[in-house]
Amino acid sequence: MRTLPILLLIVSNVFMTFAWYGHLKYKHHSLWIVILASWGIAFFEYCFQVPANRYGHSYYNAAQLKTMQEVITLVVFAVFSVLYLKEEFKWNYAVGFAMMIGAVFFIFKKW
């Protein structure tokens, strides 16, 4: 199933985004506490990311997997920053993401 690696990467990136940026709402906690919490969350990220890449490499090459991971990361982060961090999504972000979609076209194009 070619979609399983994509689904695993999505779940992985949700964990990764919380590990990397979730602590920004908790600036009153000590840095060492949020580092330990982030490491704990990152463990679960790896539990999905490693199988996604291992299984996905049966269908996609490494460059395609990395490209998918980056696009998924940006989409997950955009949703996270708006819904969780309550930050504005600006027009120039959309333009930048559109350019990355162009990169996806070239990575996946069969030449």
PDB file of N, CA and C in Angstrom:
ATOM      1  N   MET A   1       0.840  -1.175   0.000  1.00  0.00           N
ATOM      2  CA  MET A   1       0.000   0.000   0.000  1.00  0.00           C
ATOM      3  C   MET A   1       0.892   1.248   0.000  1.00  0.00           C
ATOM      4  N   ARG A   2       0.868   1.985  -1.091  1.00  0.00           N
ATOM      5  CA  ARG A   2       1.729   3.150  -1.275  1.00  0.00           C
ATOM      6  C   ARG A   2       1.373   4.321  -0.358  1.00  0.00           C
ATOM      7  N   THR A   3       0.160   4.320   0.175  1.00  0.00           N
ATOM      8  CA  THR A   3      -0.251   5.440   1.030  1.00  0.00           C
ATOM      9  C   THR A   3       0.182   5.267   2.486  1.00  0.00           C
ATOM     10  N   LEU A   4       0.499   4.043   2.903  1.00  0.00           N
ATOM     11  CA  LEU A   4       0.892   3.814   4.296  1.00  0.00           C
ATOM     12  C   LEU A   4       2.099   4.661   4.701  1.00  0.00           C
ATOM     13  N   PRO A   5       3.158   4.732   3.899  1.00  0.00           N
ATOM     14  CA  PRO A   5       4.285   5.590   4.305  1.00  0.00           C
ATOM     15  C   PRO A   5       3.876   7.056   4.458  1.00  0.00           C
ATOM     16  N   ILE A   6       2.975   7.506   3.616  1.00  0.00           N
ATOM     17  CA  ILE A   6       2.516   8.893   3.695  1.00  0.00           C
ATOM     18  C   ILE A   6       1.743   9.115   4.994  1.00  0.00           C
ATOM     19  N   LEU A   7       0.868   8.183   5.341  1.00  0.00           N
ATOM     20  CA  LEU A   7       0.105   8.297   6.586  1.00  0.00           C
ATOM     21  C   LEU A   7       1.033   8.255   7.798  1.00  0.00           C
ATOM     22  N   LEU A   8       2.019   7.373   7.764  1.00  0.00           N
ATOM     23  CA  LEU A   8       2.989   7.292   8.865  1.00  0.00           C
ATOM     24  C   LEU A   8       3.796   8.579   8.975  1.00  0.00           C
ATOM     25  N   LEU A   9       4.160   9.160   7.841  1.00  0.00           N
ATOM     26  CA  LEU A   9       4.904  10.424   7.866  1.00  0.00           C
ATOM     27  C   LEU A   9       4.050  11.565   8.425  1.00  0.00           C
ATOM     28  N   ILE A  10       2.770  11.555   8.138  1.00  0.00           N
ATOM     29  CA  ILE A  10       1.888  12.582   8.689  1.00  0.00           C
ATOM     30  C   ILE A  10       1.842  12.479  10.209  1.00  0.00           C
ATOM     31  N   VAL A  11       1.619  11.259  10.719  1.00  0.00           N
ATOM     32  CA  VAL A  11       1.578  11.064  12.174  1.00  0.00           C
ATOM     33  C   VAL A  11       2.924  11.441  12.784  1.00  0.00           C
ATOM     34  N   SER A  12       3.999  11.009  12.158  1.00  0.00           N
ATOM     35  CA  SER A  12       5.343  11.335  12.628  1.00  0.00           C
ATOM     36  C   SER A  12       5.539  12.835  12.730  1.00  0.00           C
ATOM     37  N   ASN A  13       5.091  13.557  11.727  1.00  0.00           N
ATOM     38  CA  ASN A  13       5.293  15.000  11.706  1.00  0.00           C
ATOM     39  C   ASN A  13       4.430  15.734  12.715  1.00  0.00           C
ATOM     40  N   VAL A  14       3.287  15.186  13.058  1.00  0.00           N
ATOM     41  CA  VAL A  14       2.495  15.787  14.132  1.00  0.00           C
ATOM     42  C   VAL A  14       3.278  15.708  15.438  1.00  0.00           C
ATOM     43  N   PHE A  15       3.832  14.540  15.736  1.00  0.00           N
ATOM     44  CA  PHE A  15       4.656  14.398  16.941  1.00  0.00           C
ATOM     45  C   PHE A  15       5.885  15.311  16.878  1.00  0.00           C
ATOM     46  N   MET A  16       6.551  15.340  15.723  1.00  0.00           N
ATOM     47  CA  MET A  16       7.756  16.147  15.584  1.00  0.00           C
ATOM     48  C   MET A  16       7.450  17.624  15.803  1.00  0.00           C
ATOM     49  N   THR A  17       6.359  18.091  15.244  1.00  0.00           N
ATOM     50  CA  THR A  17       6.016  19.502  15.378  1.00  0.00           C
ATOM     51  C   THR A  17       5.744  19.862  16.828  1.00  0.00           C
ATOM     52  N   PHE A  18       5.049  18.995  17.544  1.00  0.00           N
ATOM     53  CA  PHE A  18       4.832  19.249  18.969  1.00  0.00           C
ATOM     54  C   PHE A  18       6.138  19.176  19.750  1.00  0.00           C
ATOM     55  N   ALA A  19       7.020  18.255  19.388  1.00  0.00           N
ATOM     56  CA  ALA A  19       8.305  18.144  20.080  1.00  0.00           C
ATOM     57  C   ALA A  19       9.148  19.402  19.866  1.00  0.00           C
ATOM     58  N   TRP A  20       9.140  19.918  18.657  1.00  0.00           N
ATOM     59  CA  TRP A  20       9.994  21.060  18.337  1.00  0.00           C
ATOM     60  C   TRP A  20       9.393  22.401  18.729  1.00  0.00           C
ATOM     61  N   TYR A  21       8.076  22.538  18.606  1.00  0.00           N
ATOM     62  CA  TYR A  21       7.460  23.853  18.770  1.00  0.00           C
ATOM     63  C   TYR A  21       6.369  23.928  19.832  1.00  0.00           C
ATOM     64  N   GLY A  22       5.908  22.805  20.339  1.00  0.00           N
ATOM     65  CA  GLY A  22       4.828  22.809  21.317  1.00  0.00           C
ATOM     66  C   GLY A  22       5.172  23.548  22.592  1.00  0.00           C
ATOM     67  N   HIS A  23       6.436  23.543  22.967  1.00  0.00           N
ATOM     68  CA  HIS A  23       6.869  24.197  24.206  1.00  0.00           C
ATOM     69  C   HIS A  23       6.794  25.724  24.133  1.00  0.00           C
ATOM     70  N   LEU A  24       6.593  26.280  22.943  1.00  0.00           N
ATOM     71  CA  LEU A  24       6.544  27.739  22.820  1.00  0.00           C
ATOM     72  C   LEU A  24       5.372  28.350  23.578  1.00  0.00           C
ATOM     73  N   LYS A  25       4.365  27.543  23.881  1.00  0.00           N
ATOM     74  CA  LYS A  25       3.254  28.023  24.700  1.00  0.00           C
ATOM     75  C   LYS A  25       3.545  27.898  26.190  1.00  0.00           C
ATOM     76  N   TYR A  26       4.683  27.313  26.531  1.00  0.00           N
ATOM     77  CA  TYR A  26       5.013  27.062  27.938  1.00  0.00           C
ATOM     78  C   TYR A  26       6.340  27.713  28.293  1.00  0.00           C
ATOM     79  N   LYS A  27       6.472  28.980  27.991  1.00  0.00           N
ATOM     80  CA  LYS A  27       7.733  29.689  28.241  1.00  0.00           C
ATOM     81  C   LYS A  27       8.026  29.854  29.729  1.00  0.00           C
ATOM     82  N   HIS A  28       7.046  29.639  30.572  1.00  0.00           N
ATOM     83  CA  HIS A  28       7.242  29.764  32.012  1.00  0.00           C
ATOM     84  C   HIS A  28       7.888  28.510  32.610  1.00  0.00           C
ATOM     85  N   HIS A  29       7.953  27.415  31.856  1.00  0.00           N
ATOM     86  CA  HIS A  29       8.616  26.206  32.351  1.00  0.00           C
ATOM     87  C   HIS A  29      10.124  26.302  32.110  1.00  0.00           C
ATOM     88  N   SER A  30      10.875  25.638  32.940  1.00  0.00           N
ATOM     89  CA  SER A  30      12.336  25.622  32.797  1.00  0.00           C
ATOM     90  C   SER A  30      12.721  24.959  31.490  1.00  0.00           C
ATOM     91  N   LEU A  31      13.824  25.435  30.924  1.00  0.00           N
ATOM     92  CA  LEU A  31      14.292  24.897  29.657  1.00  0.00           C
ATOM     93  C   LEU A  31      14.569  23.402  29.744  1.00  0.00           C
ATOM     94  N   TRP A  32      15.164  22.940  30.833  1.00  0.00           N
ATOM     95  CA  TRP A  32      15.494  21.512  30.937  1.00  0.00           C
ATOM     96  C   TRP A  32      14.234  20.653  30.956  1.00  0.00           C
ATOM     97  N   ILE A  33      13.146  21.176  31.491  1.00  0.00           N
ATOM     98  CA  ILE A  33      11.885  20.425  31.518  1.00  0.00           C
ATOM     99  C   ILE A  33      11.327  20.290  30.099  1.00  0.00           C
ATOM    100  N   VAL A  34      11.328  21.377  29.341  1.00  0.00           N
ATOM    101  CA  VAL A  34      10.776  21.290  27.992  1.00  0.00           C
ATOM    102  C   VAL A  34      11.695  20.477  27.075  1.00  0.00           C
ATOM    103  N   ILE A  35      12.992  20.476  27.352  1.00  0.00           N
ATOM    104  CA  ILE A  35      13.895  19.620  26.570  1.00  0.00           C
ATOM    105  C   ILE A  35      13.569  18.154  26.813  1.00  0.00           C
ATOM    106  N   LEU A  36      13.412  17.765  28.060  1.00  0.00           N
ATOM    107  CA  LEU A  36      13.062  16.377  28.371  1.00  0.00           C
ATOM    108  C   LEU A  36      11.702  15.998  27.792  1.00  0.00           C
ATOM    109  N   ALA A  37      10.737  16.900  27.903  1.00  0.00           N
ATOM    110  CA  ALA A  37       9.409  16.630  27.336  1.00  0.00           C
ATOM    111  C   ALA A  37       9.502  16.485  25.821  1.00  0.00           C
ATOM    112  N   SER A  38      10.282  17.344  25.180  1.00  0.00           N
ATOM    113  CA  SER A  38      10.445  17.267  23.726  1.00  0.00           C
ATOM    114  C   SER A  38      11.107  15.962  23.314  1.00  0.00           C
ATOM    115  N   TRP A  39      12.094  15.528  24.051  1.00  0.00           N
ATOM    116  CA  TRP A  39      12.733  14.237  23.750  1.00  0.00           C
ATOM    117  C   TRP A  39      11.736  13.092  23.885  1.00  0.00           C
ATOM    118  N   GLY A  40      10.906  13.155  24.911  1.00  0.00           N
ATOM    119  CA  GLY A  40       9.890  12.118  25.088  1.00  0.00           C
ATOM    120  C   GLY A  40       8.911  12.074  23.934  1.00  0.00           C
ATOM    121  N   ILE A  41       8.494  13.244  23.459  1.00  0.00           N
ATOM    122  CA  ILE A  41       7.588  13.303  22.314  1.00  0.00           C
ATOM    123  C   ILE A  41       8.293  12.820  21.055  1.00  0.00           C
ATOM    124  N   ALA A  42       9.565  13.208  20.906  1.00  0.00           N
ATOM    125  CA  ALA A  42      10.336  12.826  19.717  1.00  0.00           C
ATOM    126  C   ALA A  42      10.502  11.314  19.604  1.00  0.00           C
ATOM    127  N   PHE A  43      10.514  10.614  20.725  1.00  0.00           N
ATOM    128  CA  PHE A  43      10.592   9.150  20.682  1.00  0.00           C
ATOM    129  C   PHE A  43       9.440   8.587  19.852  1.00  0.00           C
ATOM    130  N   PHE A  44       8.240   9.113  20.080  1.00  0.00           N
ATOM    131  CA  PHE A  44       7.076   8.625  19.335  1.00  0.00           C
ATOM    132  C   PHE A  44       7.142   9.046  17.873  1.00  0.00           C
ATOM    133  N   GLU A  45       7.729  10.208  17.628  1.00  0.00           N
ATOM    134  CA  GLU A  45       7.929  10.641  16.244  1.00  0.00           C
ATOM    135  C   GLU A  45       8.766   9.616  15.494  1.00  0.00           C
ATOM    136  N   TYR A  46       9.843   9.167  16.110  1.00  0.00           N
ATOM    137  CA  TYR A  46      10.707   8.178  15.469  1.00  0.00           C
ATOM    138  C   TYR A  46      10.021   6.827  15.312  1.00  0.00           C
ATOM    139  N   CYS A  47       9.113   6.501  16.220  1.00  0.00           N
ATOM    140  CA  CYS A  47       8.382   5.234  16.113  1.00  0.00           C
ATOM    141  C   CYS A  47       7.509   5.185  14.855  1.00  0.00           C
ATOM    142  N   PHE A  48       7.170   6.332  14.303  1.00  0.00           N
ATOM    143  CA  PHE A  48       6.401   6.385  13.058  1.00  0.00           C
ATOM    144  C   PHE A  48       7.282   6.722  11.858  1.00  0.00           C
ATOM    145  N   GLN A  49       8.284   7.561  12.066  1.00  0.00           N
ATOM    146  CA  GLN A  49       9.122   8.018  10.964  1.00  0.00           C
ATOM    147  C   GLN A  49       9.999   6.902  10.413  1.00  0.00           C
ATOM    148  N   VAL A  50      10.620   6.129  11.285  1.00  0.00           N
ATOM    149  CA  VAL A  50      11.517   5.058  10.819  1.00  0.00           C
ATOM    150  C   VAL A  50      10.747   4.009  10.011  1.00  0.00           C
ATOM    151  N   PRO A  51       9.612   3.504  10.498  1.00  0.00           N
ATOM    152  CA  PRO A  51       8.848   2.563   9.664  1.00  0.00           C
ATOM    153  C   PRO A  51       8.338   3.199   8.366  1.00  0.00           C
ATOM    154  N   ALA A  52       7.985   4.485   8.408  1.00  0.00           N
ATOM    155  CA  ALA A  52       7.517   5.152   7.193  1.00  0.00           C
ATOM    156  C   ALA A  52       8.593   5.109   6.123  1.00  0.00           C
ATOM    157  N   ASN A  53       9.820   5.421   6.497  1.00  0.00           N
ATOM    158  CA  ASN A  53      10.906   5.418   5.525  1.00  0.00           C
ATOM    159  C   ASN A  53      11.329   4.001   5.141  1.00  0.00           C
ATOM    160  N   ARG A  54      11.349   3.097   6.094  1.00  0.00           N
ATOM    161  CA  ARG A  54      11.738   1.720   5.799  1.00  0.00           C
ATOM    162  C   ARG A  54      10.737   1.079   4.847  1.00  0.00           C
ATOM    163  N   TYR A  55       9.449   1.205   5.173  1.00  0.00           N
ATOM    164  CA  TYR A  55       8.400   0.637   4.330  1.00  0.00           C
ATOM    165  C   TYR A  55       8.275   1.427   3.029  1.00  0.00           C
ATOM    166  N   GLY A  56       8.368   2.750   3.136  1.00  0.00           N
ATOM    167  CA  GLY A  56       8.209   3.596   1.965  1.00  0.00           C
ATOM    168  C   GLY A  56       9.282   3.407   0.917  1.00  0.00           C
ATOM    169  N   HIS A  57      10.467   2.976   1.345  1.00  0.00           N
ATOM    170  CA  HIS A  57      11.562   2.791   0.391  1.00  0.00           C
ATOM    171  C   HIS A  57      11.281   1.643  -0.575  1.00  0.00           C
ATOM    172  N   SER A  58      10.276   0.840  -0.285  1.00  0.00           N
ATOM    173  CA  SER A  58       9.843  -0.205  -1.219  1.00  0.00           C
ATOM    174  C   SER A  58       9.113   0.405  -2.423  1.00  0.00           C
ATOM    175  N   TYR A  59       8.560   1.591  -2.250  1.00  0.00           N
ATOM    176  CA  TYR A  59       7.770   2.242  -3.292  1.00  0.00           C
ATOM    177  C   TYR A  59       8.408   3.515  -3.840  1.00  0.00           C
ATOM    178  N   TYR A  60       9.166   4.195  -3.005  1.00  0.00           N
ATOM    179  CA  TYR A  60       9.728   5.495  -3.361  1.00  0.00           C
ATOM    180  C   TYR A  60      11.241   5.470  -3.140  1.00  0.00           C
ATOM    181  N   ASN A  61      11.953   6.300  -3.888  1.00  0.00           N
ATOM    182  CA  ASN A  61      13.389   6.400  -3.610  1.00  0.00           C
ATOM    183  C   ASN A  61      13.603   7.391  -2.465  1.00  0.00           C
ATOM    184  N   ALA A  62      14.831   7.489  -1.993  1.00  0.00           N
ATOM    185  CA  ALA A  62      15.121   8.322  -0.818  1.00  0.00           C
ATOM    186  C   ALA A  62      14.808   9.797  -1.070  1.00  0.00           C
ATOM    187  N   ALA A  63      15.098  10.290  -2.260  1.00  0.00           N
ATOM    188  CA  ALA A  63      14.804  11.697  -2.570  1.00  0.00           C
ATOM    189  C   ALA A  63      13.298  11.957  -2.546  1.00  0.00           C
ATOM    190  N   GLN A  64      12.519  11.013  -3.036  1.00  0.00           N
ATOM    191  CA  GLN A  64      11.066  11.171  -3.012  1.00  0.00           C
ATOM    192  C   GLN A  64      10.541  11.135  -1.580  1.00  0.00           C
ATOM    193  N   LEU A  65      11.065  10.220  -0.772  1.00  0.00           N
ATOM    194  CA  LEU A  65      10.648  10.148   0.631  1.00  0.00           C
ATOM    195  C   LEU A  65      10.975  11.441   1.366  1.00  0.00           C
ATOM    196  N   LYS A  66      12.177  11.961   1.145  1.00  0.00           N
ATOM    197  CA  LYS A  66      12.580  13.200   1.820  1.00  0.00           C
ATOM    198  C   LYS A  66      11.713  14.365   1.365  1.00  0.00           C
ATOM    199  N   THR A  67      11.410  14.429   0.096  1.00  0.00           N
ATOM    200  CA  THR A  67      10.565  15.500  -0.427  1.00  0.00           C
ATOM    201  C   THR A  67       9.170  15.422   0.179  1.00  0.00           C
ATOM    202  N   MET A  68       8.600  14.217   0.240  1.00  0.00           N
ATOM    203  CA  MET A  68       7.286  14.050   0.870  1.00  0.00           C
ATOM    204  C   MET A  68       7.330  14.502   2.314  1.00  0.00           C
ATOM    205  N   GLN A  69       8.388  14.100   3.012  1.00  0.00           N
ATOM    206  CA  GLN A  69       8.515  14.452   4.430  1.00  0.00           C
ATOM    207  C   GLN A  69       8.560  15.962   4.614  1.00  0.00           C
ATOM    208  N   GLU A  70       9.279  16.664   3.766  1.00  0.00           N
ATOM    209  CA  GLU A  70       9.384  18.117   3.890  1.00  0.00           C
ATOM    210  C   GLU A  70       8.056  18.807   3.608  1.00  0.00           C
ATOM    211  N   VAL A  71       7.344  18.363   2.586  1.00  0.00           N
ATOM    212  CA  VAL A  71       6.044  18.959   2.268  1.00  0.00           C
ATOM    213  C   VAL A  71       5.052  18.686   3.392  1.00  0.00           C
ATOM    214  N   ILE A  72       5.042  17.454   3.883  1.00  0.00           N
ATOM    215  CA  ILE A  72       4.149  17.106   5.000  1.00  0.00           C
ATOM    216  C   ILE A  72       4.498  17.948   6.218  1.00  0.00           C
ATOM    217  N   THR A  73       5.788  18.124   6.486  1.00  0.00           N
ATOM    218  CA  THR A  73       6.218  18.951   7.616  1.00  0.00           C
ATOM    219  C   THR A  73       5.672  20.368   7.499  1.00  0.00           C
ATOM    220  N   LEU A  74       5.762  20.945   6.314  1.00  0.00           N
ATOM    221  CA  LEU A  74       5.270  22.314   6.135  1.00  0.00           C
ATOM    222  C   LEU A  74       3.766  22.416   6.310  1.00  0.00           C
ATOM    223  N   VAL A  75       3.039  21.446   5.784  1.00  0.00           N
ATOM    224  CA  VAL A  75       1.583  21.470   5.918  1.00  0.00           C
ATOM    225  C   VAL A  75       1.179  21.298   7.379  1.00  0.00           C
ATOM    226  N   VAL A  76       1.780  20.317   8.043  1.00  0.00           N
ATOM    227  CA  VAL A  76       1.472  20.088   9.461  1.00  0.00           C
ATOM    228  C   VAL A  76       1.834  21.326  10.272  1.00  0.00           C
ATOM    229  N   PHE A  77       3.009  21.905   9.991  1.00  0.00           N
ATOM    230  CA  PHE A  77       3.424  23.087  10.743  1.00  0.00           C
ATOM    231  C   PHE A  77       2.498  24.273  10.502  1.00  0.00           C
ATOM    232  N   ALA A  78       2.052  24.455   9.268  1.00  0.00           N
ATOM    233  CA  ALA A  78       1.146  25.568   8.964  1.00  0.00           C
ATOM    234  C   ALA A  78      -0.143  25.436   9.772  1.00  0.00           C
ATOM    235  N   VAL A  79      -0.705  24.241   9.795  1.00  0.00           N
ATOM    236  CA  VAL A  79      -1.932  24.004  10.569  1.00  0.00           C
ATOM    237  C   VAL A  79      -1.656  24.203  12.056  1.00  0.00           C
ATOM    238  N   PHE A  80      -0.550  23.661  12.537  1.00  0.00           N
ATOM    239  CA  PHE A  80      -0.161  23.775  13.946  1.00  0.00           C
ATOM    240  C   PHE A  80       0.007  25.232  14.366  1.00  0.00           C
ATOM    241  N   SER A  81       0.718  25.999  13.540  1.00  0.00           N
ATOM    242  CA  SER A  81       0.996  27.383  13.926  1.00  0.00           C
ATOM    243  C   SER A  81      -0.274  28.227  13.983  1.00  0.00           C
ATOM    244  N   VAL A  82      -1.223  27.932  13.110  1.00  0.00           N
ATOM    245  CA  VAL A  82      -2.480  28.681  13.115  1.00  0.00           C
ATOM    246  C   VAL A  82      -3.386  28.220  14.257  1.00  0.00           C
ATOM    247  N   LEU A  83      -3.566  26.903  14.392  1.00  0.00           N
ATOM    248  CA  LEU A  83      -4.526  26.393  15.379  1.00  0.00           C
ATOM    249  C   LEU A  83      -3.975  26.345  16.800  1.00  0.00           C
ATOM    250  N   TYR A  84      -2.723  25.967  16.960  1.00  0.00           N
ATOM    251  CA  TYR A  84      -2.160  25.783  18.306  1.00  0.00           C
ATOM    252  C   TYR A  84      -1.462  27.042  18.815  1.00  0.00           C
ATOM    253  N   LEU A  85      -0.599  27.625  17.966  1.00  0.00           N
ATOM    254  CA  LEU A  85       0.137  28.809  18.391  1.00  0.00           C
ATOM    255  C   LEU A  85      -0.630  30.108  18.139  1.00  0.00           C
ATOM    256  N   LYS A  86      -1.747  30.003  17.391  1.00  0.00           N
ATOM    257  CA  LYS A  86      -2.593  31.166  17.084  1.00  0.00           C
ATOM    258  C   LYS A  86      -1.816  32.241  16.316  1.00  0.00           C
ATOM    259  N   GLU A  87      -0.957  31.803  15.405  1.00  0.00           N
ATOM    260  CA  GLU A  87      -0.201  32.729  14.573  1.00  0.00           C
ATOM    261  C   GLU A  87      -0.883  32.878  13.216  1.00  0.00           C
ATOM    262  N   GLU A  88      -0.673  34.011  12.601  1.00  0.00           N
ATOM    263  CA  GLU A  88      -1.289  34.301  11.318  1.00  0.00           C
ATOM    264  C   GLU A  88      -0.565  33.565  10.191  1.00  0.00           C
ATOM    265  N   PHE A  89      -1.343  33.040   9.231  1.00  0.00           N
ATOM    266  CA  PHE A  89      -0.777  32.447   8.021  1.00  0.00           C
ATOM    267  C   PHE A  89      -0.796  33.526   6.947  1.00  0.00           C
ATOM    268  N   LYS A  90       0.372  33.951   6.517  1.00  0.00           N
ATOM    269  CA  LYS A  90       0.483  35.080   5.596  1.00  0.00           C
ATOM    270  C   LYS A  90       0.554  34.617   4.145  1.00  0.00           C
ATOM    271  N   TRP A  91       0.242  35.509   3.242  1.00  0.00           N
ATOM    272  CA  TRP A  91       0.202  35.197   1.820  1.00  0.00           C
ATOM    273  C   TRP A  91       1.552  34.729   1.306  1.00  0.00           C
ATOM    274  N   ASN A  92       2.644  35.311   1.814  1.00  0.00           N
ATOM    275  CA  ASN A  92       3.961  34.909   1.324  1.00  0.00           C
ATOM    276  C   ASN A  92       4.313  33.479   1.739  1.00  0.00           C
ATOM    277  N   TYR A  93       3.723  32.987   2.818  1.00  0.00           N
ATOM    278  CA  TYR A  93       3.923  31.582   3.184  1.00  0.00           C
ATOM    279  C   TYR A  93       3.299  30.688   2.118  1.00  0.00           C
ATOM    280  N   ALA A  94       2.101  31.056   1.690  1.00  0.00           N
ATOM    281  CA  ALA A  94       1.412  30.281   0.647  1.00  0.00           C
ATOM    282  C   ALA A  94       2.214  30.283  -0.651  1.00  0.00           C
ATOM    283  N   VAL A  95       2.801  31.407  -0.997  1.00  0.00           N
ATOM    284  CA  VAL A  95       3.622  31.484  -2.206  1.00  0.00           C
ATOM    285  C   VAL A  95       4.836  30.564  -2.078  1.00  0.00           C
ATOM    286  N   GLY A  96       5.490  30.614  -0.937  1.00  0.00           N
ATOM    287  CA  GLY A  96       6.640  29.739  -0.704  1.00  0.00           C
ATOM    288  C   GLY A  96       6.265  28.271  -0.767  1.00  0.00           C
ATOM    289  N   PHE A  97       5.137  27.915  -0.177  1.00  0.00           N
ATOM    290  CA  PHE A  97       4.678  26.527  -0.226  1.00  0.00           C
ATOM    291  C   PHE A  97       4.367  26.115  -1.663  1.00  0.00           C
ATOM    292  N   ALA A  98       3.784  27.016  -2.427  1.00  0.00           N
ATOM    293  CA  ALA A  98       3.481  26.713  -3.836  1.00  0.00           C
ATOM    294  C   ALA A  98       4.764  26.439  -4.611  1.00  0.00           C
ATOM    295  N   MET A  99       5.811  27.169  -4.301  1.00  0.00           N
ATOM    296  CA  MET A  99       7.096  26.922  -4.959  1.00  0.00           C
ATOM    297  C   MET A  99       7.644  25.543  -4.596  1.00  0.00           C
ATOM    298  N   MET A 100       7.401  25.144  -3.364  1.00  0.00           N
ATOM    299  CA  MET A 100       7.846  23.817  -2.955  1.00  0.00           C
ATOM    300  C   MET A 100       7.054  22.726  -3.672  1.00  0.00           C
ATOM    301  N   ILE A 101       5.797  23.000  -3.967  1.00  0.00           N
ATOM    302  CA  ILE A 101       5.010  22.041  -4.741  1.00  0.00           C
ATOM    303  C   ILE A 101       5.622  21.881  -6.124  1.00  0.00           C
ATOM    304  N   GLY A 102       6.161  22.962  -6.664  1.00  0.00           N
ATOM    305  CA  GLY A 102       6.902  22.874  -7.922  1.00  0.00           C
ATOM    306  C   GLY A 102       8.100  21.953  -7.796  1.00  0.00           C
ATOM    307  N   ALA A 103       8.788  22.017  -6.669  1.00  0.00           N
ATOM    308  CA  ALA A 103       9.921  21.119  -6.432  1.00  0.00           C
ATOM    309  C   ALA A 103       9.456  19.665  -6.400  1.00  0.00           C
ATOM    310  N   VAL A 104       8.301  19.431  -5.792  1.00  0.00           N
ATOM    311  CA  VAL A 104       7.749  18.073  -5.746  1.00  0.00           C
ATOM    312  C   VAL A 104       7.511  17.556  -7.161  1.00  0.00           C
ATOM    313  N   PHE A 105       6.999  18.405  -8.020  1.00  0.00           N
ATOM    314  CA  PHE A 105       6.771  18.008  -9.410  1.00  0.00           C
ATOM    315  C   PHE A 105       8.065  17.487 -10.030  1.00  0.00           C
ATOM    316  N   PHE A 106       9.154  18.214  -9.855  1.00  0.00           N
ATOM    317  CA  PHE A 106      10.415  17.807 -10.483  1.00  0.00           C
ATOM    318  C   PHE A 106      11.012  16.568  -9.831  1.00  0.00           C
ATOM    319  N   ILE A 107      10.839  16.397  -8.538  1.00  0.00           N
ATOM    320  CA  ILE A 107      11.371  15.221  -7.853  1.00  0.00           C
ATOM    321  C   ILE A 107      10.631  13.954  -8.312  1.00  0.00           C
ATOM    322  N   PHE A 108       9.315  14.051  -8.492  1.00  0.00           N
ATOM    323  CA  PHE A 108       8.523  12.872  -8.834  1.00  0.00           C
ATOM    324  C   PHE A 108       8.332  12.659 -10.331  1.00  0.00           C
ATOM    325  N   LYS A 109       8.740  13.610 -11.140  1.00  0.00           N
ATOM    326  CA  LYS A 109       8.580  13.497 -12.595  1.00  0.00           C
ATOM    327  C   LYS A 109       9.489  12.395 -13.128  1.00  0.00           C
ATOM    328  N   LYS A 110       8.929  11.547 -13.960  1.00  0.00           N
ATOM    329  CA  LYS A 110       9.697  10.488 -14.620  1.00  0.00           C
ATOM    330  C   LYS A 110      10.300  11.068 -15.898  1.00  0.00           C
ATOM    331  N   TRP A 111      11.591  11.193 -15.943  1.00  0.00           N
ATOM    332  CA  TRP A 111      12.267  11.776 -17.105  1.00  0.00           C
ATOM    333  C   TRP A 111      12.786  10.717 -18.013  1.00  0.00           C
TER     334      TRP A 111
END
